[in-house]
Amino acid sequence: MAPSLRGLSVAGSIYVVSGLARRAAGVGLRCSAGHIGRRVLVGLAAAVCLSLLAAFWTLDGQFRGW
């Protein structure tokens, strides 16, 4: 893939993931408003999801050949 197309692909992925993360964070903050325990659980769930996503990407070889 040409370098300019790879950059466009990365930029598109970042745009989509950041939009999804912003929406998920908004929902998590609204659901946990005023409850410290819920807020901690939302934070832990987000950390677990991000860790699993990074692990799957790494194991699938998404970061090779850059």
N, C-alpha and C. Protein backbone atom coordinates (compact mmCIF):
# COMPACT_ATOMS: atom_id res chain seq x y z
N MET A 1 0.84 -1.17 0.00
CA MET A 1 0.00 0.00 0.00
C MET A 1 0.89 1.24 0.00
N ALA A 2 0.52 2.24 -0.76
CA ALA A 2 1.29 3.48 -0.85
C ALA A 2 1.29 4.21 0.50
N PRO A 3 2.38 4.89 0.82
CA PRO A 3 2.45 5.58 2.12
C PRO A 3 1.31 6.58 2.34
N SER A 4 0.90 7.29 1.31
CA SER A 4 -0.18 8.27 1.49
C SER A 4 -1.50 7.58 1.79
N LEU A 5 -1.73 6.42 1.17
CA LEU A 5 -2.97 5.69 1.44
C LEU A 5 -2.94 5.07 2.84
N ARG A 6 -1.75 4.63 3.28
CA ARG A 6 -1.63 4.07 4.62
C ARG A 6 -1.94 5.16 5.65
N GLY A 7 -1.42 6.36 5.43
CA GLY A 7 -1.70 7.48 6.34
C GLY A 7 -3.18 7.81 6.39
N LEU A 8 -3.83 7.77 5.24
CA LEU A 8 -5.27 8.03 5.18
C LEU A 8 -6.03 6.95 5.94
N SER A 9 -5.61 5.71 5.79
CA SER A 9 -6.25 4.61 6.50
C SER A 9 -6.10 4.76 8.01
N VAL A 10 -4.90 5.12 8.45
CA VAL A 10 -4.65 5.32 9.88
C VAL A 10 -5.49 6.49 10.39
N ALA A 11 -5.53 7.57 9.65
CA ALA A 11 -6.31 8.74 10.06
C ALA A 11 -7.80 8.40 10.17
N GLY A 12 -8.31 7.63 9.23
CA GLY A 12 -9.71 7.21 9.28
C GLY A 12 -9.99 6.32 10.48
N SER A 13 -9.08 5.41 10.76
CA SER A 13 -9.25 4.54 11.92
C SER A 13 -9.24 5.34 13.22
N ILE A 14 -8.33 6.29 13.32
CA ILE A 14 -8.28 7.13 14.52
C ILE A 14 -9.56 7.94 14.67
N TYR A 15 -10.06 8.46 13.58
CA TYR A 15 -11.31 9.24 13.61
C TYR A 15 -12.48 8.38 14.11
N VAL A 16 -12.62 7.19 13.58
CA VAL A 16 -13.72 6.31 13.97
C VAL A 16 -13.59 5.87 15.43
N VAL A 17 -12.40 5.44 15.82
CA VAL A 17 -12.19 4.97 17.19
C VAL A 17 -12.37 6.10 18.20
N SER A 18 -11.90 7.30 17.87
CA SER A 18 -12.05 8.41 18.81
C SER A 18 -13.53 8.79 18.97
N GLY A 19 -14.29 8.75 17.90
CA GLY A 19 -15.72 9.03 17.99
C GLY A 19 -16.45 8.01 18.84
N LEU A 20 -16.12 6.74 18.64
CA LEU A 20 -16.74 5.69 19.45
C LEU A 20 -16.34 5.80 20.92
N ALA A 21 -15.08 6.09 21.16
CA ALA A 21 -14.60 6.23 22.54
C ALA A 21 -15.27 7.42 23.23
N ARG A 22 -15.43 8.53 22.51
CA ARG A 22 -16.08 9.71 23.10
C ARG A 22 -17.53 9.40 23.47
N ARG A 23 -18.24 8.70 22.60
CA ARG A 23 -19.63 8.34 22.89
C ARG A 23 -19.72 7.38 24.07
N ALA A 24 -18.84 6.39 24.09
CA ALA A 24 -18.84 5.42 25.19
C ALA A 24 -18.49 6.10 26.52
N ALA A 25 -17.55 7.04 26.48
CA ALA A 25 -17.19 7.76 27.70
C ALA A 25 -18.36 8.60 28.19
N GLY A 26 -19.08 9.21 27.28
CA GLY A 26 -20.25 10.00 27.66
C GLY A 26 -21.32 9.15 28.32
N VAL A 27 -21.58 8.00 27.75
CA VAL A 27 -22.58 7.09 28.33
C VAL A 27 -22.12 6.61 29.70
N GLY A 28 -20.85 6.24 29.80
CA GLY A 28 -20.32 5.77 31.08
C GLY A 28 -20.38 6.83 32.16
N LEU A 29 -20.06 8.07 31.80
CA LEU A 29 -20.11 9.16 32.78
C LEU A 29 -21.54 9.48 33.20
N ARG A 30 -22.48 9.44 32.26
CA ARG A 30 -23.87 9.69 32.62
C ARG A 30 -24.43 8.59 33.51
N CYS A 31 -24.11 7.33 33.19
CA CYS A 31 -24.63 6.21 33.97
C CYS A 31 -24.04 6.16 35.38
N SER A 32 -22.83 6.67 35.54
CA SER A 32 -22.16 6.58 36.83
C SER A 32 -22.16 7.90 37.59
N ALA A 33 -22.93 8.87 37.14
CA ALA A 33 -22.93 10.19 37.77
C ALA A 33 -23.35 10.10 39.23
N GLY A 34 -22.50 10.62 40.10
CA GLY A 34 -22.82 10.65 41.52
C GLY A 34 -22.51 9.38 42.28
N HIS A 35 -21.97 8.38 41.64
CA HIS A 35 -21.68 7.10 42.28
C HIS A 35 -20.21 6.75 42.04
N ILE A 36 -19.42 6.86 43.09
CA ILE A 36 -17.98 6.60 42.96
C ILE A 36 -17.72 5.15 42.58
N GLY A 37 -18.45 4.21 43.17
CA GLY A 37 -18.25 2.79 42.86
C GLY A 37 -18.54 2.48 41.40
N ARG A 38 -19.62 3.05 40.89
CA ARG A 38 -19.94 2.83 39.47
C ARG A 38 -18.88 3.44 38.57
N ARG A 39 -18.39 4.61 38.97
CA ARG A 39 -17.38 5.29 38.16
C ARG A 39 -16.11 4.44 38.08
N VAL A 40 -15.72 3.81 39.20
CA VAL A 40 -14.55 2.93 39.22
C VAL A 40 -14.79 1.73 38.31
N LEU A 41 -15.98 1.15 38.37
CA LEU A 41 -16.30 0.01 37.51
C LEU A 41 -16.28 0.38 36.03
N VAL A 42 -16.78 1.56 35.70
CA VAL A 42 -16.76 2.02 34.31
C VAL A 42 -15.31 2.19 33.85
N GLY A 43 -14.47 2.75 34.70
CA GLY A 43 -13.06 2.93 34.36
C GLY A 43 -12.35 1.60 34.17
N LEU A 44 -12.62 0.65 35.06
CA LEU A 44 -12.02 -0.68 34.93
C LEU A 44 -12.50 -1.39 33.66
N ALA A 45 -13.78 -1.27 33.36
CA ALA A 45 -14.32 -1.90 32.15
C ALA A 45 -13.68 -1.29 30.90
N ALA A 46 -13.49 0.02 30.90
CA ALA A 46 -12.84 0.67 29.76
C ALA A 46 -11.40 0.20 29.61
N ALA A 47 -10.69 0.09 30.72
CA ALA A 47 -9.29 -0.37 30.67
C ALA A 47 -9.20 -1.80 30.15
N VAL A 48 -10.12 -2.65 30.60
CA VAL A 48 -10.13 -4.05 30.13
C VAL A 48 -10.43 -4.11 28.64
N CYS A 49 -11.40 -3.34 28.18
CA CYS A 49 -11.74 -3.34 26.75
C CYS A 49 -10.57 -2.86 25.89
N LEU A 50 -9.92 -1.79 26.32
CA LEU A 50 -8.77 -1.29 25.56
C LEU A 50 -7.62 -2.29 25.56
N SER A 51 -7.39 -2.95 26.69
CA SER A 51 -6.32 -3.94 26.76
C SER A 51 -6.61 -5.13 25.85
N LEU A 52 -7.85 -5.60 25.85
CA LEU A 52 -8.22 -6.72 24.98
C LEU A 52 -8.10 -6.34 23.50
N LEU A 53 -8.53 -5.13 23.17
CA LEU A 53 -8.42 -4.68 21.78
C LEU A 53 -6.96 -4.62 21.34
N ALA A 54 -6.10 -4.06 22.18
CA ALA A 54 -4.67 -3.99 21.85
C ALA A 54 -4.07 -5.39 21.74
N ALA A 55 -4.47 -6.30 22.63
CA ALA A 55 -3.94 -7.66 22.58
C ALA A 55 -4.37 -8.37 21.29
N PHE A 56 -5.64 -8.22 20.91
CA PHE A 56 -6.12 -8.86 19.68
C PHE A 56 -5.41 -8.29 18.46
N TRP A 57 -5.23 -6.97 18.42
CA TRP A 57 -4.53 -6.36 17.29
C TRP A 57 -3.09 -6.84 17.22
N THR A 58 -2.44 -6.94 18.36
CA THR A 58 -1.04 -7.37 18.39
C THR A 58 -0.92 -8.84 17.98
N LEU A 59 -1.76 -9.69 18.54
CA LEU A 59 -1.69 -11.12 18.23
C LEU A 59 -2.07 -11.40 16.78
N ASP A 60 -2.92 -10.58 16.21
CA ASP A 60 -3.34 -10.77 14.82
C ASP A 60 -2.28 -10.25 13.84
N GLY A 61 -1.27 -9.55 14.35
CA GLY A 61 -0.21 -9.07 13.49
C GLY A 61 -0.50 -7.73 12.84
N GLN A 62 -1.41 -6.96 13.40
CA GLN A 62 -1.77 -5.68 12.80
C GLN A 62 -0.64 -4.66 12.83
N PHE A 63 0.33 -4.83 13.75
CA PHE A 63 1.38 -3.85 13.90
C PHE A 63 2.69 -4.29 13.24
N ARG A 64 2.67 -5.33 12.43
CA ARG A 64 3.88 -5.76 11.72
C ARG A 64 3.97 -5.11 10.36
N GLY A 65 5.18 -4.89 9.92
CA GLY A 65 5.39 -4.38 8.57
C GLY A 65 5.20 -2.89 8.41
N TRP A 66 5.25 -2.14 9.48
CA TRP A 66 5.10 -0.69 9.38
C TRP A 66 6.44 -0.16 9.14
